Every structure is written in structure tokens, then in C-alpha cells.
């Protein structure tokens, strides 16, 4: 089992990576005549579709305009909360979700949103309370199950984490994020073969994800195939991958190999040299025979 997490992103549905649109929406947030029910439904559907496509900044503008045109519309407020969460603003998102928990139609989704925001803020106990309450009332809230899996991983409870990720997959079997998290959970618990299988599945669903690619390389390295972990690595990715493979080798007791990978990482990028140098220093301090 790895002694500590290797510096690699942990993909989850707590937040999502916003696509960088080539042109931002120029929607002006101005007062306007009240919108009709049909107009409201059409605009909400457009905002939801924009959010689902990952264009969170654009969707946020649409929801905010709706809050000007129809201030009593809670679905627009909820959309703002979801976009703020996805854009890395959990404190602001939490305030939105807290205000929506009194709404009977949105209470459970708001509970989930608040739980995800609390987890992003590092308030794990409070996050767990909200997420468990949400899933107890609605087992279909797969994002809550996924987040509970991460909480279990943080507590070093891999068997419990696996159960939560399985629940999340039942709710969304095509989620690369959930399958990635399940694979990463197996990796940090020392089950490299199972991790590799899961991460291959996740990558098939999201081939462009650098996070999944990174985790798969780590799992391959954890299986002892260091050179295979370097295959198909771009020039830009190489310093990070070399460092991570070196770290995995160090954890496996392959100190000579680890030293070589750290040295190569330092050579590959002057900007990344400090990170690899610290790992190399740790290696030589804890395992002087490697010198």
C-alpha cells in the first residue's frame, strides 16, 4: 500500500472541469419584463443543457439572468449553486444549497449539493451527514454515493469505499469519474491489477482525460511495469510521470530505479526539478544505501 498519495488529481463529481469556451456569452444582467411560463421553461432547459455540456461559466450567466427575470424561481438558484460548485467556489455554492433545503421539491438535491460543497471545503463529517441523509431518502443520488466513497478512502476504508462506488455505478454505469475513483481506490489500497482493469474501463469512456491517464500509469507502475507506465507520454507530461513512477518504485523498495526516475524527471524539466529533488532527498535520507 502506498504510504502517501502521489501528487495526482483525484477525479470525482464533486466538481467538474469547465470547458474553456472560445467566446464567452455576452448576456447582460439587466432588469426585464417578467417572463412567461413557457419562456422560463425554455430558458431553464437551455441553461441545464449548457451546464450538462460542461460550459459552467456560460450556464451560470443564464441562471443569473433568470434570477433577475424570475427571482422566485428556485430551479435557477439551484443551477447557480451547481455551477459555482463546478467552478471551484464551494463556499458560495453551499450558501445557495442551504437556502434551498427548505424547498420540498429540491430538498434532496440541495442536501447533496451542500454535502459535495462541504467535502470540497474539507468539512468531512458534516459532508458525510448530508450525503448519507440524501442517499437514505433517494438512493438514486449517485453523486452522493461517489462522494461517500471518497470519504471512505480518506478514512482508509477500501472495502466500504468499494461498496459506495458500486452504488454510484448502479446509478450511473457510464460515469468515467466513478469508475476512475473506484480504480484509484484500489490503487491506494495496494490492489494494482484490479485498479488497472477499472482504469482501462474509465479511459475507454473518457479517452481524453489526463487524470485517468495519470492514474492508469500509476497503477501500471505499481504493478512493477515502470517502463510501460511511460508509454504514450507526451513531452509535457514526462517530468510528472517520471517523478510519479520514481515515487512508486521507492514505495516498492526499488531504490536504484527510483533514483534513476527522479534524476530523469529533474533533467526533463527545470520547473519540476524541485519536486523530484525533494523526493530524491527523501529517498537518500530514508534509504542511504540507494546512494
C-alpha atoms as a PDB file:
ATOM      1  CA  UNK A   1       0.000   0.000   0.000  1.00  0.00           C
ATOM      2  CA  UNK A   2       1.306   3.440  -0.844  1.00  0.00           C
ATOM      3  CA  UNK A   3       2.405   5.317   2.237  1.00  0.00           C
ATOM      4  CA  UNK A   4       1.025   8.592   0.970  1.00  0.00           C
ATOM      5  CA  UNK A   5      -0.879   9.841  -2.018  1.00  0.00           C
ATOM      6  CA  UNK A   6       1.208  10.534  -5.058  1.00  0.00           C
ATOM      7  CA  UNK A   7       0.648  14.043  -6.441  1.00  0.00           C
ATOM      8  CA  UNK A   8      -2.077  13.237  -8.952  1.00  0.00           C
ATOM      9  CA  UNK A   9      -5.577  14.547  -9.449  1.00  0.00           C
ATOM     10  CA  UNK A  10      -8.440  12.563  -7.954  1.00  0.00           C
ATOM     11  CA  UNK A  11     -11.246  12.766 -10.446  1.00  0.00           C
ATOM     12  CA  UNK A  12     -14.690  12.989  -8.941  1.00  0.00           C
ATOM     13  CA  UNK A  13     -18.040  14.537  -9.438  1.00  0.00           C
ATOM     14  CA  UNK A  14     -17.591  16.907  -6.566  1.00  0.00           C
ATOM     15  CA  UNK A  15     -16.591  19.488  -9.106  1.00  0.00           C
ATOM     16  CA  UNK A  16     -16.123  19.276 -12.825  1.00  0.00           C
ATOM     17  CA  UNK A  17     -13.570  20.754 -15.138  1.00  0.00           C
ATOM     18  CA  UNK A  18     -15.129  23.596 -17.091  1.00  0.00           C
ATOM     19  CA  UNK A  19     -14.513  23.596 -20.807  1.00  0.00           C
ATOM     20  CA  UNK A  20     -12.875  26.822 -21.926  1.00  0.00           C
ATOM     21  CA  UNK A  21     -15.312  28.343 -24.406  1.00  0.00           C
ATOM     22  CA  UNK A  22     -13.797  30.224 -27.317  1.00  0.00           C
ATOM     23  CA  UNK A  23     -16.247  33.052 -26.783  1.00  0.00           C
ATOM     24  CA  UNK A  24     -17.931  33.955 -23.513  1.00  0.00           C
ATOM     25  CA  UNK A  25     -21.624  34.735 -23.580  1.00  0.00           C
ATOM     26  CA  UNK A  26     -22.230  38.468 -23.623  1.00  0.00           C
ATOM     27  CA  UNK A  27     -25.541  38.201 -21.780  1.00  0.00           C
ATOM     28  CA  UNK A  28     -26.266  41.404 -19.889  1.00  0.00           C
ATOM     29  CA  UNK A  29     -27.801  41.028 -16.453  1.00  0.00           C
ATOM     30  CA  UNK A  30     -30.439  43.728 -16.839  1.00  0.00           C
ATOM     31  CA  UNK A  31     -33.932  44.032 -15.494  1.00  0.00           C
ATOM     32  CA  UNK A  32     -36.538  42.903 -17.958  1.00  0.00           C
ATOM     33  CA  UNK A  33     -40.254  42.323 -18.209  1.00  0.00           C
ATOM     34  CA  UNK A  34     -41.460  39.230 -16.357  1.00  0.00           C
ATOM     35  CA  UNK A  35     -41.027  36.098 -18.410  1.00  0.00           C
ATOM     36  CA  UNK A  36     -43.888  33.762 -19.251  1.00  0.00           C
ATOM     37  CA  UNK A  37     -44.048  30.194 -18.033  1.00  0.00           C
ATOM     38  CA  UNK A  38     -43.109  28.907 -21.481  1.00  0.00           C
ATOM     39  CA  UNK A  39     -40.152  31.280 -21.774  1.00  0.00           C
ATOM     40  CA  UNK A  40     -38.980  30.285 -18.310  1.00  0.00           C
ATOM     41  CA  UNK A  41     -39.121  26.576 -19.147  1.00  0.00           C
ATOM     42  CA  UNK A  42     -37.260  27.052 -22.434  1.00  0.00           C
ATOM     43  CA  UNK A  43     -34.538  29.170 -20.845  1.00  0.00           C
ATOM     44  CA  UNK A  44     -34.130  26.788 -17.916  1.00  0.00           C
ATOM     45  CA  UNK A  45     -33.793  23.871 -20.332  1.00  0.00           C
ATOM     46  CA  UNK A  46     -31.134  25.773 -22.283  1.00  0.00           C
ATOM     47  CA  UNK A  47     -29.237  26.589 -19.081  1.00  0.00           C
ATOM     48  CA  UNK A  48     -29.408  22.985 -17.901  1.00  0.00           C
ATOM     49  CA  UNK A  49     -28.174  21.715 -21.268  1.00  0.00           C
ATOM     50  CA  UNK A  50     -25.279  24.184 -21.229  1.00  0.00           C
ATOM     51  CA  UNK A  51     -24.353  23.036 -17.733  1.00  0.00           C
ATOM     52  CA  UNK A  52     -24.596  19.359 -18.702  1.00  0.00           C
ATOM     53  CA  UNK A  53     -22.170  20.018 -21.547  1.00  0.00           C
ATOM     54  CA  UNK A  54     -19.649  21.358 -19.043  1.00  0.00           C
ATOM     55  CA  UNK A  55     -19.890  25.029 -20.020  1.00  0.00           C
ATOM     56  CA  UNK A  56     -20.392  26.166 -16.443  1.00  0.00           C
ATOM     57  CA  UNK A  57     -19.436  29.828 -16.815  1.00  0.00           C
ATOM     58  CA  UNK A  58     -21.921  30.297 -19.659  1.00  0.00           C
ATOM     59  CA  UNK A  59     -24.663  28.391 -17.832  1.00  0.00           C
ATOM     60  CA  UNK A  60     -24.059  30.496 -14.720  1.00  0.00           C
ATOM     61  CA  UNK A  61     -24.765  33.677 -16.682  1.00  0.00           C
ATOM     62  CA  UNK A  62     -28.047  32.272 -17.963  1.00  0.00           C
ATOM     63  CA  UNK A  63     -29.160  31.171 -14.485  1.00  0.00           C
ATOM     64  CA  UNK A  64     -28.195  34.541 -13.021  1.00  0.00           C
ATOM     65  CA  UNK A  65     -30.219  36.361 -15.669  1.00  0.00           C
ATOM     66  CA  UNK A  66     -33.169  34.108 -14.814  1.00  0.00           C
ATOM     67  CA  UNK A  67     -32.799  35.084 -11.165  1.00  0.00           C
ATOM     68  CA  UNK A  68     -33.219  38.706 -12.285  1.00  0.00           C
ATOM     69  CA  UNK A  69     -36.198  37.961 -14.538  1.00  0.00           C
ATOM     70  CA  UNK A  70     -37.842  35.398 -12.250  1.00  0.00           C
ATOM     71  CA  UNK A  71     -36.417  35.889  -8.742  1.00  0.00           C
ATOM     72  CA  UNK A  72     -38.823  33.401  -7.189  1.00  0.00           C
ATOM     73  CA  UNK A  73     -37.684  30.524  -9.436  1.00  0.00           C
ATOM     74  CA  UNK A  74     -35.762  28.062  -7.200  1.00  0.00           C
ATOM     75  CA  UNK A  75     -34.521  25.939 -10.123  1.00  0.00           C
ATOM     76  CA  UNK A  76     -32.478  28.902 -11.348  1.00  0.00           C
ATOM     77  CA  UNK A  77     -30.999  29.293  -7.869  1.00  0.00           C
ATOM     78  CA  UNK A  78     -30.145  25.595  -7.830  1.00  0.00           C
ATOM     79  CA  UNK A  79     -28.448  25.925 -11.209  1.00  0.00           C
ATOM     80  CA  UNK A  80     -26.329  28.773  -9.860  1.00  0.00           C
ATOM     81  CA  UNK A  81     -25.277  26.575  -6.949  1.00  0.00           C
ATOM     82  CA  UNK A  82     -24.305  23.694  -9.227  1.00  0.00           C
ATOM     83  CA  UNK A  83     -22.265  25.980 -11.484  1.00  0.00           C
ATOM     84  CA  UNK A  84     -20.491  27.626  -8.562  1.00  0.00           C
ATOM     85  CA  UNK A  85     -19.606  24.190  -7.208  1.00  0.00           C
ATOM     86  CA  UNK A  86     -18.264  23.077 -10.579  1.00  0.00           C
ATOM     87  CA  UNK A  87     -16.268  26.295 -10.941  1.00  0.00           C
ATOM     88  CA  UNK A  88     -14.443  25.707  -7.653  1.00  0.00           C
ATOM     89  CA  UNK A  89     -16.444  28.054  -5.427  1.00  0.00           C
ATOM     90  CA  UNK A  90     -17.832  25.667  -2.780  1.00  0.00           C
ATOM     91  CA  UNK A  91     -18.400  28.320  -0.097  1.00  0.00           C
ATOM     92  CA  UNK A  92     -20.695  30.323  -2.373  1.00  0.00           C
ATOM     93  CA  UNK A  93     -22.367  27.160  -3.628  1.00  0.00           C
ATOM     94  CA  UNK A  94     -23.049  25.969  -0.104  1.00  0.00           C
ATOM     95  CA  UNK A  95     -24.929  29.160   0.740  1.00  0.00           C
ATOM     96  CA  UNK A  96     -27.180  28.612  -2.272  1.00  0.00           C
ATOM     97  CA  UNK A  97     -27.879  24.983  -1.355  1.00  0.00           C
ATOM     98  CA  UNK A  98     -28.542  25.830   2.296  1.00  0.00           C
ATOM     99  CA  UNK A  99     -31.264  28.230   1.232  1.00  0.00           C
ATOM    100  CA  UNK A 100     -32.899  25.578  -0.949  1.00  0.00           C
ATOM    101  CA  UNK A 101     -33.149  22.805   1.649  1.00  0.00           C
ATOM    102  CA  UNK A 102     -36.493  24.190   2.775  1.00  0.00           C
ATOM    103  CA  UNK A 103     -37.912  23.701  -0.727  1.00  0.00           C
ATOM    104  CA  UNK A 104     -39.728  20.317  -0.790  1.00  0.00           C
ATOM    105  CA  UNK A 105     -39.068  19.731  -4.483  1.00  0.00           C
ATOM    106  CA  UNK A 106     -35.341  20.470  -4.283  1.00  0.00           C
ATOM    107  CA  UNK A 107     -34.502  19.456  -0.722  1.00  0.00           C
ATOM    108  CA  UNK A 108     -32.660  16.216  -1.500  1.00  0.00           C
ATOM    109  CA  UNK A 109     -30.718  17.672  -4.424  1.00  0.00           C
ATOM    110  CA  UNK A 110     -29.820  20.634  -2.229  1.00  0.00           C
ATOM    111  CA  UNK A 111     -28.685  18.263   0.524  1.00  0.00           C
ATOM    112  CA  UNK A 112     -26.455  16.508  -1.985  1.00  0.00           C
ATOM    113  CA  UNK A 113     -25.122  19.833  -3.242  1.00  0.00           C
ATOM    114  CA  UNK A 114     -24.352  21.033   0.261  1.00  0.00           C
ATOM    115  CA  UNK A 115     -22.650  17.737   1.064  1.00  0.00           C
ATOM    116  CA  UNK A 116     -20.461  17.997  -2.031  1.00  0.00           C
ATOM    117  CA  UNK A 117     -19.595  21.601  -1.187  1.00  0.00           C
ATOM    118  CA  UNK A 118     -18.707  20.674   2.394  1.00  0.00           C
ATOM    119  CA  UNK A 119     -16.472  17.872   1.157  1.00  0.00           C
ATOM    120  CA  UNK A 120     -14.689  20.290  -1.164  1.00  0.00           C
ATOM    121  CA  UNK A 121     -14.200  22.569   1.851  1.00  0.00           C
ATOM    122  CA  UNK A 122     -12.677  19.726   3.889  1.00  0.00           C
ATOM    123  CA  UNK A 123     -15.564  19.559   6.377  1.00  0.00           C
ATOM    124  CA  UNK A 124     -15.805  15.812   6.036  1.00  0.00           C
ATOM    125  CA  UNK A 125     -18.023  14.940   8.997  1.00  0.00           C
ATOM    126  CA  UNK A 126     -20.694  17.480   8.060  1.00  0.00           C
ATOM    127  CA  UNK A 127     -20.423  16.409   4.429  1.00  0.00           C
ATOM    128  CA  UNK A 128     -20.979  12.784   5.362  1.00  0.00           C
ATOM    129  CA  UNK A 129     -24.085  13.658   7.377  1.00  0.00           C
ATOM    130  CA  UNK A 130     -25.693  15.443   4.431  1.00  0.00           C
ATOM    131  CA  UNK A 131     -24.694  12.808   1.891  1.00  0.00           C
ATOM    132  CA  UNK A 132     -25.966   9.899   3.996  1.00  0.00           C
ATOM    133  CA  UNK A 133     -29.257  11.687   4.621  1.00  0.00           C
ATOM    134  CA  UNK A 134     -29.634  12.355   0.910  1.00  0.00           C
ATOM    135  CA  UNK A 135     -28.950   8.754  -0.162  1.00  0.00           C
ATOM    136  CA  UNK A 136     -31.192   7.357   2.560  1.00  0.00           C
ATOM    137  CA  UNK A 137     -34.113   9.326   1.151  1.00  0.00           C
ATOM    138  CA  UNK A 138     -33.152   8.870  -2.509  1.00  0.00           C
ATOM    139  CA  UNK A 139     -30.740   6.015  -3.347  1.00  0.00           C
ATOM    140  CA  UNK A 140     -30.578   7.245  -6.966  1.00  0.00           C
ATOM    141  CA  UNK A 141     -28.330  10.186  -5.996  1.00  0.00           C
ATOM    142  CA  UNK A 142     -25.182   8.594  -7.421  1.00  0.00           C
ATOM    143  CA  UNK A 143     -23.011  11.666  -6.898  1.00  0.00           C
ATOM    144  CA  UNK A 144     -23.612  11.341  -3.172  1.00  0.00           C
ATOM    145  CA  UNK A 145     -22.578   7.673  -3.229  1.00  0.00           C
ATOM    146  CA  UNK A 146     -19.447   8.645  -5.161  1.00  0.00           C
ATOM    147  CA  UNK A 147     -18.577  11.304  -2.595  1.00  0.00           C
ATOM    148  CA  UNK A 148     -19.184   8.855   0.253  1.00  0.00           C
ATOM    149  CA  UNK A 149     -16.693   6.573  -1.489  1.00  0.00           C
ATOM    150  CA  UNK A 150     -14.100   9.315  -1.401  1.00  0.00           C
ATOM    151  CA  UNK A 151     -14.787   9.906   2.284  1.00  0.00           C
ATOM    152  CA  UNK A 152     -14.252   6.195   2.941  1.00  0.00           C
ATOM    153  CA  UNK A 153     -10.955   6.346   1.041  1.00  0.00           C
ATOM    154  CA  UNK A 154      -9.863   9.306   3.143  1.00  0.00           C
ATOM    155  CA  UNK A 155     -10.555   7.156   6.227  1.00  0.00           C
ATOM    156  CA  UNK A 156      -8.541   4.302   4.665  1.00  0.00           C
ATOM    157  CA  UNK A 157     -11.592   2.035   4.468  1.00  0.00           C
ATOM    158  CA  UNK A 158     -11.250   0.491   0.987  1.00  0.00           C
ATOM    159  CA  UNK A 159     -13.944  -2.168   1.391  1.00  0.00           C
ATOM    160  CA  UNK A 160     -16.500   0.432   2.439  1.00  0.00           C
ATOM    161  CA  UNK A 161     -15.365   2.705  -0.397  1.00  0.00           C
ATOM    162  CA  UNK A 162     -15.872  -0.111  -2.923  1.00  0.00           C
ATOM    163  CA  UNK A 163     -19.473  -0.545  -1.747  1.00  0.00           C
ATOM    164  CA  UNK A 164     -20.180   3.151  -2.202  1.00  0.00           C
ATOM    165  CA  UNK A 165     -18.608   3.262  -5.665  1.00  0.00           C
ATOM    166  CA  UNK A 166     -20.686   0.225  -6.638  1.00  0.00           C
ATOM    167  CA  UNK A 167     -23.821   2.093  -5.550  1.00  0.00           C
ATOM    168  CA  UNK A 168     -22.703   5.112  -7.581  1.00  0.00           C
ATOM    169  CA  UNK A 169     -22.140   2.911 -10.646  1.00  0.00           C
ATOM    170  CA  UNK A 170     -25.628   1.454 -10.291  1.00  0.00           C
ATOM    171  CA  UNK A 171     -26.978   4.985 -10.595  1.00  0.00           C
ATOM    172  CA  UNK A 172     -24.683   5.961 -13.467  1.00  0.00           C
ATOM    173  CA  UNK A 173     -22.918   2.966 -15.033  1.00  0.00           C
ATOM    174  CA  UNK A 174     -21.351   5.125 -17.768  1.00  0.00           C
ATOM    175  CA  UNK A 175     -19.633   7.540 -15.391  1.00  0.00           C
ATOM    176  CA  UNK A 176     -15.896   7.552 -16.087  1.00  0.00           C
ATOM    177  CA  UNK A 177     -15.451   9.618 -12.922  1.00  0.00           C
ATOM    178  CA  UNK A 178     -16.949   6.959 -10.665  1.00  0.00           C
ATOM    179  CA  UNK A 179     -15.042   4.101 -12.301  1.00  0.00           C
ATOM    180  CA  UNK A 180     -11.832   6.131 -12.092  1.00  0.00           C
ATOM    181  CA  UNK A 181     -12.401   6.752  -8.399  1.00  0.00           C
ATOM    182  CA  UNK A 182     -13.048   3.072  -7.806  1.00  0.00           C
ATOM    183  CA  UNK A 183      -9.822   2.266  -9.650  1.00  0.00           C
ATOM    184  CA  UNK A 184      -7.828   4.851  -7.733  1.00  0.00           C
ATOM    185  CA  UNK A 185      -9.250   3.451  -4.509  1.00  0.00           C
ATOM    186  CA  UNK A 186      -7.942   0.011  -5.468  1.00  0.00           C
ATOM    187  CA  UNK A 187      -4.579   1.550  -6.321  1.00  0.00           C
ATOM    188  CA  UNK A 188      -4.049   3.260  -2.977  1.00  0.00           C
ATOM    189  CA  UNK A 189      -5.154   0.104  -1.155  1.00  0.00           C
ATOM    190  CA  UNK A 190      -2.476  -1.935  -2.956  1.00  0.00           C
ATOM    191  CA  UNK A 191      -4.605  -3.808  -5.486  1.00  0.00           C
ATOM    192  CA  UNK A 192      -2.819  -2.767  -8.701  1.00  0.00           C
ATOM    193  CA  UNK A 193      -4.289  -5.460 -11.025  1.00  0.00           C
ATOM    194  CA  UNK A 194      -7.879  -4.558 -10.135  1.00  0.00           C
ATOM    195  CA  UNK A 195      -7.011  -0.858 -10.377  1.00  0.00           C
ATOM    196  CA  UNK A 196      -5.618  -1.328 -13.881  1.00  0.00           C
ATOM    197  CA  UNK A 197      -8.789  -3.101 -15.059  1.00  0.00           C
ATOM    198  CA  UNK A 198     -11.047  -0.363 -13.698  1.00  0.00           C
ATOM    199  CA  UNK A 199      -8.907   2.465 -15.033  1.00  0.00           C
ATOM    200  CA  UNK A 200      -8.842   0.929 -18.504  1.00  0.00           C
ATOM    201  CA  UNK A 201     -12.651   0.897 -18.362  1.00  0.00           C
ATOM    202  CA  UNK A 202     -12.728   4.531 -17.248  1.00  0.00           C
ATOM    203  CA  UNK A 203     -10.331   5.576 -20.007  1.00  0.00           C
ATOM    204  CA  UNK A 204     -12.475   3.847 -22.631  1.00  0.00           C
ATOM    205  CA  UNK A 205     -15.360   6.062 -21.508  1.00  0.00           C
ATOM    206  CA  UNK A 206     -13.265   9.244 -21.398  1.00  0.00           C
ATOM    207  CA  UNK A 207     -10.158   8.780 -23.588  1.00  0.00           C
ATOM    208  CA  UNK A 208      -9.068  12.420 -23.326  1.00  0.00           C
ATOM    209  CA  UNK A 209      -8.965  12.564 -19.525  1.00  0.00           C
ATOM    210  CA  UNK A 210      -5.417  13.298 -18.393  1.00  0.00           C
ATOM    211  CA  UNK A 211      -6.455  12.438 -14.853  1.00  0.00           C
ATOM    212  CA  UNK A 212      -7.471   8.907 -15.795  1.00  0.00           C
ATOM    213  CA  UNK A 213      -4.368   8.535 -17.956  1.00  0.00           C
ATOM    214  CA  UNK A 214      -2.227   9.594 -14.998  1.00  0.00           C
ATOM    215  CA  UNK A 215      -3.924   7.184 -12.631  1.00  0.00           C
ATOM    216  CA  UNK A 216      -3.592   4.319 -15.118  1.00  0.00           C
ATOM    217  CA  UNK A 217       0.142   4.998 -15.455  1.00  0.00           C
ATOM    218  CA  UNK A 218       0.464   4.945 -11.683  1.00  0.00           C
ATOM    219  CA  UNK A 219      -1.386   1.640 -11.482  1.00  0.00           C
ATOM    220  CA  UNK A 220       0.823   0.114 -14.196  1.00  0.00           C
ATOM    221  CA  UNK A 221       3.910   1.330 -12.330  1.00  0.00           C
ATOM    222  CA  UNK A 222       2.512  -0.055  -9.083  1.00  0.00           C
ATOM    223  CA  UNK A 223       2.312  -3.413 -10.829  1.00  0.00           C
ATOM    224  CA  UNK A 224       6.084  -3.217 -11.364  1.00  0.00           C
ATOM    225  CA  UNK A 225       5.972  -2.301 -15.059  1.00  0.00           C
ATOM    226  CA  UNK A 226       7.770   1.028 -14.793  1.00  0.00           C
ATOM    227  CA  UNK A 227       8.737   1.430 -18.440  1.00  0.00           C
ATOM    228  CA  UNK A 228       5.232   0.509 -19.609  1.00  0.00           C
ATOM    229  CA  UNK A 229       3.907   3.342 -17.463  1.00  0.00           C
ATOM    230  CA  UNK A 230       5.934   5.784 -19.549  1.00  0.00           C
ATOM    231  CA  UNK A 231       4.483   4.703 -22.883  1.00  0.00           C
ATOM    232  CA  UNK A 232       2.444   7.250 -24.851  1.00  0.00           C
ATOM    233  CA  UNK A 233       3.577  10.020 -22.508  1.00  0.00           C
ATOM    234  CA  UNK A 234       3.841  13.440 -24.126  1.00  0.00           C
ATOM    235  CA  UNK A 235       6.865  15.674 -23.691  1.00  0.00           C
ATOM    236  CA  UNK A 236       4.843  17.976 -21.435  1.00  0.00           C
ATOM    237  CA  UNK A 237       3.659  15.100 -19.232  1.00  0.00           C
ATOM    238  CA  UNK A 238       7.047  13.377 -18.992  1.00  0.00           C
ATOM    239  CA  UNK A 239       8.503  15.154 -15.892  1.00  0.00           C
ATOM    240  CA  UNK A 240       5.389  14.462 -13.803  1.00  0.00           C
ATOM    241  CA  UNK A 241       5.154  10.857 -14.967  1.00  0.00           C
ATOM    242  CA  UNK A 242       8.868  10.204 -14.332  1.00  0.00           C
ATOM    243  CA  UNK A 243       8.563  11.613 -10.825  1.00  0.00           C
ATOM    244  CA  UNK A 244       5.436   9.588 -10.059  1.00  0.00           C
ATOM    245  CA  UNK A 245       6.952   6.376 -11.398  1.00  0.00           C
ATOM    246  CA  UNK A 246      10.006   7.079  -9.266  1.00  0.00           C
ATOM    247  CA  UNK A 247       7.828   7.513  -6.225  1.00  0.00           C
ATOM    248  CA  UNK A 248       6.030   4.242  -6.879  1.00  0.00           C
ATOM    249  CA  UNK A 249       9.378   2.485  -7.299  1.00  0.00           C
ATOM    250  CA  UNK A 250      10.558   3.945  -3.999  1.00  0.00           C
ATOM    251  CA  UNK A 251       7.457   2.653  -2.229  1.00  0.00           C
ATOM    252  CA  UNK A 252       8.137  -0.780  -3.709  1.00  0.00           C
ATOM    253  CA  UNK A 253      11.706  -0.774  -2.415  1.00  0.00           C
ATOM    254  CA  UNK A 254      13.235  -0.446  -5.902  1.00  0.00           C
ATOM    255  CA  UNK A 255      15.534   2.326  -4.731  1.00  0.00           C
ATOM    256  CA  UNK A 256      18.010   2.271  -7.601  1.00  0.00           C
ATOM    257  CA  UNK A 257      15.209   2.503 -10.160  1.00  0.00           C
ATOM    258  CA  UNK A 258      13.540   5.250  -8.141  1.00  0.00           C
ATOM    259  CA  UNK A 259      16.717   7.310  -8.047  1.00  0.00           C
ATOM    260  CA  UNK A 260      17.049   6.998 -11.807  1.00  0.00           C
ATOM    261  CA  UNK A 261      13.499   8.150 -12.472  1.00  0.00           C
ATOM    262  CA  UNK A 262      13.821  11.113 -10.104  1.00  0.00           C
ATOM    263  CA  UNK A 263      17.040  12.145 -11.834  1.00  0.00           C
ATOM    264  CA  UNK A 264      15.396  11.894 -15.246  1.00  0.00           C
ATOM    265  CA  UNK A 265      12.450  13.988 -14.007  1.00  0.00           C
ATOM    266  CA  UNK A 266      14.851  16.696 -12.883  1.00  0.00           C
ATOM    267  CA  UNK A 267      16.603  16.637 -16.244  1.00  0.00           C
ATOM    268  CA  UNK A 268      13.323  16.736 -18.176  1.00  0.00           C
ATOM    269  CA  UNK A 269      12.052  19.959 -16.601  1.00  0.00           C
ATOM    270  CA  UNK A 270      13.784  22.675 -14.638  1.00  0.00           C
ATOM    271  CA  UNK A 271      10.404  23.878 -13.368  1.00  0.00           C
ATOM    272  CA  UNK A 272       9.628  20.424 -11.987  1.00  0.00           C
ATOM    273  CA  UNK A 273      13.117  19.801 -10.618  1.00  0.00           C
ATOM    274  CA  UNK A 274      12.230  20.947  -7.094  1.00  0.00           C
ATOM    275  CA  UNK A 275       9.507  18.324  -6.652  1.00  0.00           C
ATOM    276  CA  UNK A 276      11.671  15.485  -7.948  1.00  0.00           C
ATOM    277  CA  UNK A 277      14.647  16.754  -5.925  1.00  0.00           C
ATOM    278  CA  UNK A 278      12.633  16.613  -2.702  1.00  0.00           C
ATOM    279  CA  UNK A 279      11.614  13.034  -3.447  1.00  0.00           C
ATOM    280  CA  UNK A 280      15.222  12.163  -4.242  1.00  0.00           C
ATOM    281  CA  UNK A 281      16.339  13.756  -0.977  1.00  0.00           C
ATOM    282  CA  UNK A 282      13.727  11.719   0.903  1.00  0.00           C
ATOM    283  CA  UNK A 283      14.940   8.575  -0.820  1.00  0.00           C
ATOM    284  CA  UNK A 284      18.567   9.165   0.124  1.00  0.00           C
ATOM    285  CA  UNK A 285      17.674  10.178   3.683  1.00  0.00           C
ATOM    286  CA  UNK A 286      15.455   7.182   4.392  1.00  0.00           C
ATOM    287  CA  UNK A 287      17.442   4.689   2.305  1.00  0.00           C
ATOM    288  CA  UNK A 288      21.097   5.771   2.259  1.00  0.00           C
ATOM    289  CA  UNK A 289      22.091   2.520   0.544  1.00  0.00           C
ATOM    290  CA  UNK A 290      20.482   3.940  -2.579  1.00  0.00           C
ATOM    291  CA  UNK A 291      23.391   6.349  -2.844  1.00  0.00           C
END
